[in-house]
C-alpha cells in the first residue's frame, strides 16, 4: 500500500468494514454454528466473524500507533 494514495486505501478499508458489518448483520441466528472449511480446518461462522472483527480492530490499532509515532505522541 506504500505506493497507493492514502485516501484511496482508507476508502477501501471503510468499504471493507461496511461490507463485513452487512454480512454479519444478515446472518440468521441458526447459521452461526454452520461449519466452513478454511485452509483445511473446520470453523463455524461465529469464529470466522470474530476473527474478521479482531483483525480489523488489530489493524486499526496499528494505524493509530503509527500515527502517534509520526506525530510524536506516546503509545
N, C-alpha and C. Protein backbone atom coordinates (compact mmCIF):
# COMPACT_ATOMS: atom_id res chain seq x y z
N UNK A 1 0.80 -1.20 0.00
CA UNK A 1 0.00 0.00 0.00
C UNK A 1 0.84 1.27 0.00
N UNK A 2 2.14 1.13 0.17
CA UNK A 2 3.00 2.31 0.24
C UNK A 2 2.90 3.18 -1.00
N UNK A 3 2.71 2.57 -2.15
CA UNK A 3 2.65 3.32 -3.38
C UNK A 3 1.27 3.84 -3.75
N UNK A 4 0.29 3.56 -2.93
CA UNK A 4 -1.08 3.97 -3.22
C UNK A 4 -1.46 5.23 -2.46
N UNK A 5 -2.43 5.92 -2.96
CA UNK A 5 -2.93 7.11 -2.30
C UNK A 5 -3.59 6.73 -0.99
N UNK A 6 -3.22 7.39 0.11
CA UNK A 6 -3.72 7.01 1.43
C UNK A 6 -5.22 7.19 1.54
N UNK A 7 -5.77 8.21 0.91
CA UNK A 7 -7.21 8.42 0.96
C UNK A 7 -7.93 7.25 0.28
N UNK A 8 -7.37 6.78 -0.82
CA UNK A 8 -7.96 5.65 -1.53
C UNK A 8 -7.91 4.39 -0.65
N UNK A 9 -6.78 4.14 -0.01
CA UNK A 9 -6.64 2.96 0.86
C UNK A 9 -7.62 3.04 2.03
N UNK A 10 -7.73 4.22 2.64
CA UNK A 10 -8.68 4.39 3.74
C UNK A 10 -10.12 4.18 3.27
N UNK A 11 -10.40 4.58 2.05
CA UNK A 11 -11.73 4.34 1.47
C UNK A 11 -12.00 2.85 1.32
N UNK A 12 -10.98 2.10 0.88
CA UNK A 12 -11.14 0.65 0.77
C UNK A 12 -11.38 0.03 2.14
N UNK A 13 -10.64 0.51 3.14
CA UNK A 13 -10.81 -0.01 4.49
C UNK A 13 -12.22 0.27 5.00
N UNK A 14 -12.69 1.46 4.78
CA UNK A 14 -14.04 1.84 5.20
C UNK A 14 -15.08 0.96 4.50
N UNK A 15 -14.89 0.75 3.21
CA UNK A 15 -15.83 -0.07 2.45
C UNK A 15 -15.80 -1.53 2.94
N UNK A 16 -14.61 -2.04 3.24
CA UNK A 16 -14.50 -3.41 3.74
C UNK A 16 -15.19 -3.56 5.09
N UNK A 17 -15.05 -2.57 5.95
CA UNK A 17 -15.71 -2.60 7.27
C UNK A 17 -17.23 -2.60 7.10
N UNK A 18 -17.72 -1.77 6.22
CA UNK A 18 -19.17 -1.73 5.96
C UNK A 18 -19.67 -3.06 5.41
N UNK A 19 -18.90 -3.64 4.52
CA UNK A 19 -19.30 -4.91 3.92
C UNK A 19 -19.31 -6.02 4.97
N UNK A 20 -18.29 -6.07 5.82
CA UNK A 20 -18.25 -7.08 6.87
C UNK A 20 -19.43 -6.90 7.81
N UNK A 21 -19.71 -5.67 8.21
CA UNK A 21 -20.84 -5.42 9.10
C UNK A 21 -22.16 -5.85 8.45
N UNK A 22 -22.30 -5.61 7.16
CA UNK A 22 -23.51 -6.01 6.45
C UNK A 22 -23.66 -7.52 6.41
N UNK A 23 -22.58 -8.21 6.10
CA UNK A 23 -22.62 -9.68 6.04
C UNK A 23 -22.96 -10.25 7.41
N UNK A 24 -22.29 -9.75 8.46
CA UNK A 24 -22.55 -10.24 9.81
C UNK A 24 -23.99 -9.96 10.21
N UNK A 25 -24.48 -8.79 9.84
CA UNK A 25 -25.86 -8.42 10.17
C UNK A 25 -26.91 -9.27 9.50
N UNK A 26 -26.55 -9.88 8.37
CA UNK A 26 -27.51 -10.70 7.62
C UNK A 26 -27.51 -12.18 8.03
N UNK A 27 -26.59 -12.58 8.90
CA UNK A 27 -26.53 -13.98 9.30
C UNK A 27 -27.72 -14.29 10.22
N UNK A 28 -28.42 -15.34 9.90
CA UNK A 28 -29.56 -15.76 10.73
C UNK A 28 -29.03 -16.44 12.00
N UNK A 29 -29.75 -16.33 13.11
CA UNK A 29 -29.28 -16.91 14.37
C UNK A 29 -28.86 -18.38 14.27
N UNK A 30 -29.61 -19.18 13.53
CA UNK A 30 -29.29 -20.60 13.41
C UNK A 30 -28.04 -20.88 12.56
N UNK A 31 -27.58 -19.89 11.82
CA UNK A 31 -26.44 -20.10 10.91
C UNK A 31 -25.08 -19.85 11.57
N UNK A 32 -25.05 -19.31 12.78
CA UNK A 32 -23.76 -19.01 13.42
C UNK A 32 -22.94 -20.26 13.71
N UNK A 33 -23.60 -21.39 13.83
CA UNK A 33 -22.88 -22.63 14.12
C UNK A 33 -22.55 -23.44 12.87
N UNK A 34 -22.93 -22.94 11.71
CA UNK A 34 -22.64 -23.66 10.46
C UNK A 34 -21.15 -23.76 10.25
N UNK A 35 -20.68 -24.94 9.88
CA UNK A 35 -19.23 -25.12 9.67
C UNK A 35 -18.80 -24.69 8.27
N UNK A 36 -17.55 -24.32 8.19
CA UNK A 36 -16.91 -24.00 6.91
C UNK A 36 -15.48 -24.50 6.98
N UNK A 37 -14.92 -24.86 5.84
CA UNK A 37 -13.52 -25.26 5.80
C UNK A 37 -12.67 -24.06 5.40
N UNK A 38 -11.72 -23.72 6.24
CA UNK A 38 -10.79 -22.62 5.97
C UNK A 38 -9.39 -23.20 6.07
N UNK A 39 -8.68 -23.23 4.96
CA UNK A 39 -7.35 -23.83 4.91
C UNK A 39 -7.35 -25.25 5.47
N UNK A 40 -8.40 -25.99 5.17
CA UNK A 40 -8.49 -27.38 5.59
C UNK A 40 -8.94 -27.59 7.03
N UNK A 41 -9.25 -26.50 7.74
CA UNK A 41 -9.69 -26.60 9.13
C UNK A 41 -11.16 -26.19 9.21
N UNK A 42 -11.96 -27.01 9.90
CA UNK A 42 -13.37 -26.69 10.05
C UNK A 42 -13.56 -25.64 11.14
N UNK A 43 -14.30 -24.58 10.79
CA UNK A 43 -14.57 -23.50 11.73
C UNK A 43 -16.01 -23.05 11.53
N UNK A 44 -16.64 -22.58 12.60
CA UNK A 44 -18.03 -22.14 12.45
C UNK A 44 -18.08 -20.65 12.08
N UNK A 45 -19.27 -20.22 11.67
CA UNK A 45 -19.46 -18.85 11.19
C UNK A 45 -19.15 -17.82 12.28
N UNK A 46 -19.49 -18.12 13.53
CA UNK A 46 -19.21 -17.19 14.62
C UNK A 46 -17.72 -16.97 14.79
N UNK A 47 -16.93 -18.03 14.70
CA UNK A 47 -15.48 -17.90 14.81
C UNK A 47 -14.92 -17.07 13.67
N UNK A 48 -15.43 -17.29 12.46
CA UNK A 48 -14.97 -16.51 11.31
C UNK A 48 -15.30 -15.03 11.49
N UNK A 49 -16.50 -14.74 11.99
CA UNK A 49 -16.89 -13.35 12.22
C UNK A 49 -16.01 -12.72 13.29
N UNK A 50 -15.79 -13.43 14.38
CA UNK A 50 -14.92 -12.91 15.44
C UNK A 50 -13.52 -12.64 14.93
N UNK A 51 -12.99 -13.56 14.14
CA UNK A 51 -11.64 -13.37 13.59
C UNK A 51 -11.58 -12.15 12.68
N UNK A 52 -12.62 -11.97 11.86
CA UNK A 52 -12.64 -10.82 10.95
C UNK A 52 -12.69 -9.50 11.71
N UNK A 53 -13.53 -9.44 12.72
CA UNK A 53 -13.63 -8.22 13.53
C UNK A 53 -12.32 -7.99 14.29
N UNK A 54 -11.74 -9.05 14.84
CA UNK A 54 -10.47 -8.93 15.57
C UNK A 54 -9.37 -8.38 14.67
N UNK A 55 -9.26 -8.93 13.47
CA UNK A 55 -8.21 -8.47 12.55
C UNK A 55 -8.39 -7.00 12.20
N UNK A 56 -9.63 -6.60 11.93
CA UNK A 56 -9.88 -5.19 11.64
C UNK A 56 -9.49 -4.30 12.79
N UNK A 57 -9.87 -4.67 14.01
CA UNK A 57 -9.52 -3.88 15.18
C UNK A 57 -8.01 -3.85 15.38
N UNK A 58 -7.36 -4.98 15.16
CA UNK A 58 -5.91 -5.07 15.30
C UNK A 58 -5.21 -4.11 14.34
N UNK A 59 -5.64 -4.10 13.10
CA UNK A 59 -5.02 -3.23 12.11
C UNK A 59 -5.30 -1.76 12.39
N UNK A 60 -6.48 -1.45 12.89
CA UNK A 60 -6.76 -0.06 13.25
C UNK A 60 -5.87 0.40 14.40
N UNK A 61 -5.60 -0.50 15.37
CA UNK A 61 -4.66 -0.15 16.44
C UNK A 61 -3.26 0.09 15.88
N UNK A 62 -2.86 -0.71 14.90
CA UNK A 62 -1.56 -0.50 14.25
C UNK A 62 -1.50 0.87 13.60
N UNK A 63 -2.57 1.27 12.91
CA UNK A 63 -2.62 2.57 12.26
C UNK A 63 -2.51 3.67 13.31
N UNK A 64 -3.24 3.53 14.42
CA UNK A 64 -3.19 4.54 15.47
C UNK A 64 -1.79 4.65 16.07
N UNK A 65 -1.12 3.53 16.27
CA UNK A 65 0.23 3.52 16.81
C UNK A 65 1.19 4.26 15.88
N UNK A 66 1.08 4.00 14.58
CA UNK A 66 1.94 4.68 13.61
C UNK A 66 1.66 6.17 13.60
N UNK A 67 0.38 6.54 13.60
CA UNK A 67 0.01 7.96 13.61
C UNK A 67 0.58 8.64 14.85
N UNK A 68 0.46 8.01 16.00
CA UNK A 68 1.02 8.58 17.22
C UNK A 68 2.52 8.78 17.11
N UNK A 69 3.21 7.81 16.52
CA UNK A 69 4.67 7.89 16.36
C UNK A 69 5.04 9.05 15.47
N UNK A 70 4.40 9.19 14.33
CA UNK A 70 4.79 10.27 13.41
C UNK A 70 4.38 11.64 13.94
N UNK A 71 3.42 11.66 14.84
CA UNK A 71 3.01 12.92 15.46
C UNK A 71 3.77 13.22 16.74
N UNK A 72 4.66 12.30 17.14
CA UNK A 72 5.45 12.49 18.33
C UNK A 72 4.67 12.33 19.62
N UNK A 73 3.60 11.52 19.55
CA UNK A 73 2.75 11.30 20.73
C UNK A 73 3.06 9.92 21.31
N UNK A 74 2.87 9.74 22.61
CA UNK A 74 3.11 8.43 23.21
C UNK A 74 2.10 7.40 22.75
N UNK A 75 2.55 6.12 22.76
CA UNK A 75 1.68 4.98 22.52
C UNK A 75 1.02 4.96 21.23
